[in-house]
Amino acid sequence: MTSRLLRSLAVAASATAALALGLAGCAAQPASSGSDSEAAGETIRMGTQPWLGYGQWYVAEDQGFFADRGVDVALSSFNADADVNAALAANRLDMANVGAQAALQFIEQGLDVSIVLMLDSATDADAILSGEGVTEVADLAGKKVAFERGATSEILLAEALDEAGLDFDDVTVVEASADKVAPMLLAGRVDAGVTYEPYISEALGAGKGITAVATAGEFPGLITDVLVVRNDVLDQRPDEVREVLASWDDAVAYTEQHTAEARGIIAAGVGSDVADLATAFDGVHYYSLAENRELLTGSYLTDTLPALVGVAERIGLLTEPVEAKTAVRAEFLGK
């Protein structure tokens, strides 16, 4: 079973309509076919979201690591997976931070991108939250559950339900972006919801009896975020891509040495008070370039991604098989 396979992967630690619209926009706005020298030095447009796992980019920006590496990176933040996905598909972004399942969907649907970096994996920072009357996943049968379709939340819920002997037909699905889940749950509009930090801490700290009935930590390797880059950018601007990845590594190293300062930068970047995220940071593992060089060409490529493909196929996020090995380009990780 896929869930058992995922549990064995001890890695070191979208919506289709929106994507279709994005692909149409991509056709209407083709990428520049200029030379390498013409492309070099232009601003690199990166899509992100207010999620702790992408926080090292805020550190890189704040500490001047991009400038030190000679690259100009503009961070654009989106609140929903579907929005950042569509922006990348419409050629409004050069690269984007997305859940691994979204990267696989891009490739299945013909978007010419590759995974170049493992960013983070979640343990307690992605969770299924519930109110009164739901104390375990099995209690979700017949209940209203809010989550974002096509996002990591759907993957986590699918595996948790499967392990409890349930599936999506056993619950009432309420579609909502991650930032809307906690308010809906606190208002009593749904019985449970799936979201990530900082929204988890906000819900748990509201004094309304909200609890976590399952977290990503129960499914090691399941919730992993990656950086995807358009292949035309990889081909035309390889040195700049390498420097962007090196800037991430600089930020990870800075965070290890100056944890309090880095967490303050990340909290500000995602729009939260660092005090409210004291335990949330412990639920995220950031991957260094050294870890990437080992895993992105090793167990993540041979085990984790294929297992994720299996989950995504089972719940309908993927309708055609995706060969994991063709989804990754690891030549930008350095030595």
Protein backbone atom coordinates (compact mmCIF):
# COMPACT_ATOMS: atom_id res chain seq x y z
CA MET A 1 0.00 0.00 0.00
CA THR A 2 1.24 3.50 -0.78
CA SER A 3 0.91 4.73 2.78
CA ARG A 4 3.15 1.94 4.04
CA LEU A 5 5.71 2.78 1.38
CA LEU A 6 5.65 6.44 2.35
CA ARG A 7 6.13 5.53 6.00
CA SER A 8 9.30 3.69 5.06
CA LEU A 9 10.84 6.72 3.38
CA ALA A 10 12.93 8.38 6.06
CA VAL A 11 14.16 11.36 4.08
CA ALA A 12 16.47 13.63 6.04
CA ALA A 13 14.47 15.41 8.22
CA SER A 14 -4.15 23.90 -9.10
CA ALA A 15 -6.91 23.37 -9.55
CA THR A 16 -7.06 21.89 -13.07
CA ALA A 17 -9.16 24.72 -14.37
CA ALA A 18 -6.75 27.35 -13.16
CA LEU A 19 -3.86 25.47 -14.67
CA ALA A 20 -5.69 25.11 -17.96
CA LEU A 21 -6.27 28.85 -18.05
CA GLY A 22 -2.61 29.38 -17.23
CA LEU A 23 -1.52 27.12 -20.06
CA ALA A 24 -3.72 29.06 -22.45
CA GLY A 25 -2.05 32.25 -21.24
CA CYS A 26 1.33 30.64 -21.76
CA ALA A 27 0.46 29.99 -25.39
CA ALA A 28 -0.65 33.59 -25.81
CA GLN A 29 2.51 34.98 -24.15
CA PRO A 30 5.49 32.92 -25.34
CA ALA A 31 8.77 33.19 -23.48
CA SER A 32 11.46 35.33 -25.00
CA SER A 33 13.80 33.47 -27.31
CA GLY A 34 16.62 35.94 -26.72
CA SER A 35 20.22 34.93 -26.31
CA ASP A 36 21.85 33.96 -23.03
CA SER A 37 23.54 37.33 -22.77
CA GLU A 38 20.25 39.15 -23.31
CA ALA A 39 18.50 37.12 -20.60
CA ALA A 40 21.31 37.27 -18.06
CA GLY A 41 20.92 40.00 -15.47
CA GLU A 42 17.16 40.33 -15.83
CA THR A 43 15.04 40.04 -12.71
CA ILE A 44 14.18 36.46 -11.84
CA ARG A 45 10.49 36.27 -10.95
CA MET A 46 9.79 33.78 -8.18
CA GLY A 47 6.35 32.80 -6.92
CA THR A 48 5.88 31.93 -3.27
CA GLN A 49 3.20 31.69 -0.57
CA PRO A 50 2.98 32.62 3.13
CA TRP A 51 4.23 29.21 4.23
CA LEU A 52 7.12 28.61 6.64
CA GLY A 53 8.66 26.04 4.33
CA TYR A 54 9.46 28.73 1.77
CA GLY A 55 10.84 31.03 4.46
CA GLN A 56 14.51 30.79 3.53
CA TRP A 57 13.84 32.99 0.52
CA TYR A 58 12.80 35.78 2.92
CA VAL A 59 16.06 35.25 4.80
CA ALA A 60 18.04 35.36 1.55
CA GLU A 61 16.34 38.61 0.56
CA ASP A 62 16.69 40.21 4.00
CA GLN A 63 20.34 39.28 4.44
CA GLY A 64 21.35 40.29 0.94
CA PHE A 65 22.33 36.80 -0.18
CA PHE A 66 20.77 37.30 -3.62
CA ALA A 67 22.78 40.48 -4.14
CA ASP A 68 25.93 38.80 -2.83
CA ARG A 69 25.45 36.10 -5.45
CA GLY A 70 24.86 38.61 -8.22
CA VAL A 71 21.22 37.77 -8.92
CA ASP A 72 18.15 39.99 -8.83
CA VAL A 73 15.18 38.00 -7.50
CA ALA A 74 11.68 39.42 -7.10
CA LEU A 75 9.46 37.44 -4.73
CA SER A 76 5.73 37.48 -5.52
CA SER A 77 3.41 36.05 -2.87
CA PHE A 78 0.13 34.27 -3.57
CA ASN A 79 -2.47 32.99 -1.09
CA ALA A 80 -3.62 29.90 -2.98
CA ASP A 81 -1.78 27.11 -4.77
CA ALA A 82 -3.99 27.51 -7.82
CA ASP A 83 -2.97 31.17 -8.19
CA VAL A 84 0.79 30.60 -8.14
CA ASN A 85 0.35 27.58 -10.40
CA ALA A 86 -1.60 29.60 -12.96
CA ALA A 87 0.92 32.47 -12.83
CA LEU A 88 3.77 30.10 -13.62
CA ALA A 89 1.80 28.49 -16.44
CA ALA A 90 0.99 31.92 -17.88
CA ASN A 91 4.70 32.84 -18.02
CA ARG A 92 4.32 35.52 -15.36
CA LEU A 93 6.90 33.70 -13.24
CA ASP A 94 10.27 32.12 -13.99
CA MET A 95 10.18 29.76 -11.02
CA ALA A 96 7.82 28.84 -8.23
CA ASN A 97 7.74 27.17 -4.85
CA VAL A 98 5.10 24.45 -4.96
CA GLY A 99 4.11 21.17 -3.40
CA ALA A 100 5.71 18.21 -5.13
CA GLN A 101 2.29 17.02 -6.27
CA ALA A 102 1.74 20.32 -8.09
CA ALA A 103 5.07 19.92 -9.88
CA LEU A 104 3.98 16.48 -11.07
CA GLN A 105 0.67 17.93 -12.28
CA PHE A 106 2.52 20.61 -14.24
CA ILE A 107 4.56 18.01 -16.04
CA GLU A 108 1.57 15.76 -16.71
CA GLN A 109 -0.34 18.66 -18.24
CA GLY A 110 2.48 19.74 -20.51
CA LEU A 111 4.02 22.68 -18.67
CA ASP A 112 7.74 22.66 -19.51
CA VAL A 113 9.24 22.85 -16.01
CA SER A 114 11.62 20.79 -13.89
CA ILE A 115 12.16 20.24 -10.19
CA VAL A 116 15.59 21.64 -9.28
CA LEU A 117 15.54 21.86 -5.48
CA MET A 118 13.93 20.16 -2.49
CA LEU A 119 12.94 23.00 -0.19
CA ASP A 120 11.40 21.49 2.90
CA SER A 121 9.42 18.65 4.35
CA ALA A 122 6.72 18.98 6.98
CA THR A 123 6.03 17.03 10.12
CA ASP A 124 3.69 18.97 12.40
CA ALA A 125 3.45 22.01 10.14
CA ASP A 126 0.70 20.47 7.97
CA ALA A 127 -2.27 19.09 9.85
CA ILE A 128 -5.90 18.03 9.88
CA LEU A 129 -7.66 20.18 12.46
CA SER A 130 -11.02 19.47 14.03
CA GLY A 131 -13.57 20.88 16.42
CA GLU A 132 -15.84 19.15 18.91
CA GLY A 133 -17.08 15.69 18.02
CA VAL A 134 -13.99 14.71 16.04
CA THR A 135 -11.16 13.16 18.03
CA GLU A 136 -9.62 10.93 15.37
CA VAL A 137 -9.62 10.66 11.59
CA ALA A 138 -12.25 7.89 11.63
CA ASP A 139 -14.67 10.40 13.16
CA LEU A 140 -14.60 12.43 9.94
CA ALA A 141 -17.12 10.08 8.32
CA GLY A 142 -20.16 12.13 7.40
CA LYS A 143 -18.50 15.39 8.47
CA LYS A 144 -17.77 18.61 6.56
CA VAL A 145 -14.05 18.91 5.83
CA ALA A 146 -12.48 22.04 4.31
CA PHE A 147 -9.28 21.86 2.25
CA GLU A 148 -7.75 23.12 -0.98
CA ARG A 149 -8.12 20.77 -3.92
CA GLY A 150 -4.91 19.95 -5.75
CA ALA A 151 -2.73 21.13 -2.86
CA THR A 152 -0.66 19.31 -0.27
CA SER A 153 -3.72 19.42 1.99
CA GLU A 154 -5.58 17.07 -0.33
CA ILE A 155 -2.64 14.65 -0.35
CA LEU A 156 -2.45 14.61 3.46
CA LEU A 157 -6.19 14.13 3.85
CA ALA A 158 -6.27 11.35 1.26
CA GLU A 159 -3.60 9.33 3.06
CA ALA A 160 -5.13 9.90 6.50
CA LEU A 161 -8.57 8.85 5.29
CA ASP A 162 -7.11 5.80 3.53
CA GLU A 163 -5.37 4.68 6.70
CA ALA A 164 -8.64 5.05 8.61
CA GLY A 165 -10.50 2.95 6.02
CA LEU A 166 -12.28 5.95 4.50
CA ASP A 167 -12.11 7.96 1.29
CA PHE A 168 -13.43 11.27 -0.02
CA ASP A 169 -16.86 9.77 -0.62
CA ASP A 170 -17.21 9.31 3.14
CA VAL A 171 -16.87 13.02 3.92
CA THR A 172 -18.52 16.22 2.71
CA VAL A 173 -15.85 18.12 0.83
CA VAL A 174 -15.80 21.90 1.31
CA GLU A 175 -13.26 23.54 -0.99
CA ALA A 176 -11.28 26.38 0.58
CA SER A 177 -7.77 27.79 0.31
CA ALA A 178 -5.45 27.16 3.25
CA ASP A 179 -5.84 30.68 4.65
CA LYS A 180 -9.63 30.30 4.79
CA VAL A 181 -9.74 26.91 6.54
CA ALA A 182 -9.08 28.04 10.12
CA PRO A 183 -11.68 30.88 10.07
CA MET A 184 -14.29 28.45 8.72
CA LEU A 185 -13.46 25.92 11.40
CA LEU A 186 -13.49 28.51 14.19
CA ALA A 187 -16.85 29.82 12.97
CA GLY A 188 -18.33 26.33 13.07
CA ARG A 189 -19.02 26.26 9.34
CA VAL A 190 -17.10 22.99 8.96
CA ASP A 191 -16.27 20.13 11.32
CA ALA A 192 -12.64 19.80 10.26
CA GLY A 193 -10.12 21.28 7.89
CA VAL A 194 -6.65 20.76 6.49
CA THR A 195 -4.13 23.59 6.50
CA TYR A 196 -0.54 24.50 7.33
CA GLU A 197 1.45 26.95 9.43
CA PRO A 198 1.02 29.72 10.40
CA TYR A 199 -2.72 29.00 10.19
CA ILE A 200 -2.46 25.90 12.40
CA SER A 201 -1.00 27.84 15.32
CA GLU A 202 -3.59 30.57 14.90
CA ALA A 203 -6.42 28.02 15.10
CA LEU A 204 -4.95 26.04 18.00
CA GLY A 205 -4.31 29.22 19.96
CA ALA A 206 -7.79 30.68 19.50
CA GLY A 207 -9.19 29.01 22.62
CA LYS A 208 -12.04 27.38 20.71
CA GLY A 209 -11.18 23.75 21.42
CA ILE A 210 -9.56 23.09 18.05
CA THR A 211 -7.21 20.09 18.00
CA ALA A 212 -5.00 18.33 15.45
CA VAL A 213 -6.18 14.80 14.66
CA ALA A 214 -3.39 14.04 12.18
CA THR A 215 -0.17 15.67 11.00
CA ALA A 216 2.19 15.21 8.08
CA GLY A 217 4.69 13.73 10.53
CA GLU A 218 2.65 10.54 10.52
CA PHE A 219 3.46 10.14 6.81
CA PRO A 220 7.21 10.81 6.39
CA GLY A 221 8.13 12.16 2.99
CA LEU A 222 4.54 12.75 1.94
CA ILE A 223 4.47 16.54 2.25
CA THR A 224 7.52 17.92 0.47
CA ASP A 225 7.88 21.26 -1.27
CA VAL A 226 10.10 21.87 -4.26
CA LEU A 227 11.32 24.67 -6.48
CA VAL A 228 10.27 24.30 -10.10
CA VAL A 229 11.83 26.35 -12.88
CA ARG A 230 10.76 26.77 -16.47
CA ASN A 231 13.12 24.80 -18.69
CA ASP A 232 13.72 27.75 -20.99
CA VAL A 233 15.07 29.65 -17.98
CA LEU A 234 17.24 26.68 -17.00
CA ASP A 235 18.66 26.49 -20.51
CA GLN A 236 19.19 30.22 -21.04
CA ARG A 237 20.28 31.27 -17.52
CA PRO A 238 21.92 28.26 -15.86
CA ASP A 239 24.52 30.22 -13.89
CA GLU A 240 21.89 32.49 -12.38
CA VAL A 241 19.77 29.51 -11.39
CA ARG A 242 22.80 28.01 -9.63
CA GLU A 243 23.31 31.26 -7.73
CA VAL A 244 19.65 31.37 -6.70
CA LEU A 245 19.98 27.86 -5.26
CA ALA A 246 23.23 28.84 -3.57
CA SER A 247 21.39 31.78 -1.98
CA TRP A 248 18.90 29.32 -0.49
CA ASP A 249 21.82 27.36 0.93
CA ASP A 250 23.30 30.55 2.37
CA ALA A 251 19.97 31.20 4.09
CA VAL A 252 19.75 27.67 5.50
CA ALA A 253 23.26 28.03 6.94
CA TYR A 254 22.39 31.44 8.38
CA THR A 255 19.28 29.99 10.02
CA GLU A 256 21.31 27.24 11.64
CA GLN A 257 23.72 29.79 13.12
CA HIS A 258 21.26 32.60 13.89
CA THR A 259 18.03 30.75 14.50
CA ALA A 260 16.15 33.42 16.45
CA GLU A 261 16.96 36.15 13.96
CA ALA A 262 16.07 33.99 10.97
CA ARG A 263 12.79 32.90 12.50
CA GLY A 264 11.89 36.53 13.06
CA ILE A 265 12.56 37.28 9.38
CA ILE A 266 10.49 34.31 8.24
CA ALA A 267 7.60 35.13 10.59
CA ALA A 268 7.48 38.67 9.22
CA GLY A 269 7.59 37.29 5.70
CA VAL A 270 4.55 35.08 6.23
CA GLY A 271 2.73 37.80 8.17
CA SER A 272 2.76 36.29 11.66
CA ASP A 273 4.15 37.00 15.10
CA VAL A 274 7.23 34.88 15.72
CA ALA A 275 6.00 34.14 19.25
CA ASP A 276 2.94 32.43 17.80
CA LEU A 277 5.13 30.14 15.71
CA ALA A 278 7.49 28.97 18.45
CA THR A 279 6.61 25.30 18.00
CA ALA A 280 5.61 25.53 14.34
CA PHE A 281 9.20 25.97 13.16
CA ASP A 282 10.09 22.66 14.75
CA GLY A 283 7.68 20.98 12.35
CA VAL A 284 9.60 22.02 9.23
CA HIS A 285 12.91 20.70 7.94
CA TYR A 286 14.81 22.86 5.44
CA TYR A 287 17.03 21.00 2.97
CA SER A 288 20.56 22.21 2.33
CA LEU A 289 22.27 21.82 -1.03
CA ALA A 290 24.35 18.98 0.42
CA GLU A 291 21.17 17.11 1.35
CA ASN A 292 19.74 17.86 -2.07
CA ARG A 293 22.78 16.43 -3.80
CA GLU A 294 22.26 13.21 -1.87
CA LEU A 295 18.47 12.91 -1.96
CA LEU A 296 17.35 14.57 -5.18
CA THR A 297 19.36 12.06 -7.16
CA GLY A 298 18.84 9.29 -4.62
CA SER A 299 15.95 8.11 -2.45
CA TYR A 300 13.72 11.11 -3.15
CA LEU A 301 13.97 10.43 -6.87
CA THR A 302 13.72 6.63 -6.70
CA ASP A 303 11.27 6.17 -3.82
CA THR A 304 9.50 9.28 -2.57
CA LEU A 305 8.40 10.83 -5.88
CA PRO A 306 7.16 7.52 -7.33
CA ALA A 307 5.19 6.91 -4.13
CA LEU A 308 3.68 10.39 -4.39
CA VAL A 309 2.76 9.66 -8.01
CA GLY A 310 0.87 6.60 -6.75
CA VAL A 311 -1.11 8.65 -4.21
CA ALA A 312 -1.88 11.37 -6.75
CA GLU A 313 -3.09 8.82 -9.29
CA ARG A 314 -5.29 7.11 -6.71
CA ILE A 315 -7.13 10.30 -5.77
CA GLY A 316 -7.32 11.67 -9.30
CA LEU A 317 -4.77 14.50 -9.13
CA LEU A 318 -2.89 12.73 -11.89
CA THR A 319 -4.77 11.03 -14.70
CA GLU A 320 -1.69 9.88 -16.62
CA PRO A 321 1.48 8.26 -15.26
CA VAL A 322 4.40 10.63 -14.69
CA GLU A 323 7.93 9.27 -14.79
CA ALA A 324 9.55 10.79 -11.71
CA LYS A 325 13.07 10.62 -13.11
CA THR A 326 12.15 12.92 -15.99
CA ALA A 327 10.78 15.53 -13.59
CA VAL A 328 14.11 16.38 -11.96
CA ARG A 329 17.15 18.32 -13.17
CA ALA A 330 19.86 18.19 -10.52
CA GLU A 331 22.76 19.75 -12.42
CA PHE A 332 22.27 23.13 -10.74
CA LEU A 333 23.05 21.91 -7.20
CA GLY A 334 26.81 22.39 -7.42
CA LYS A 335 29.38 20.00 -6.00
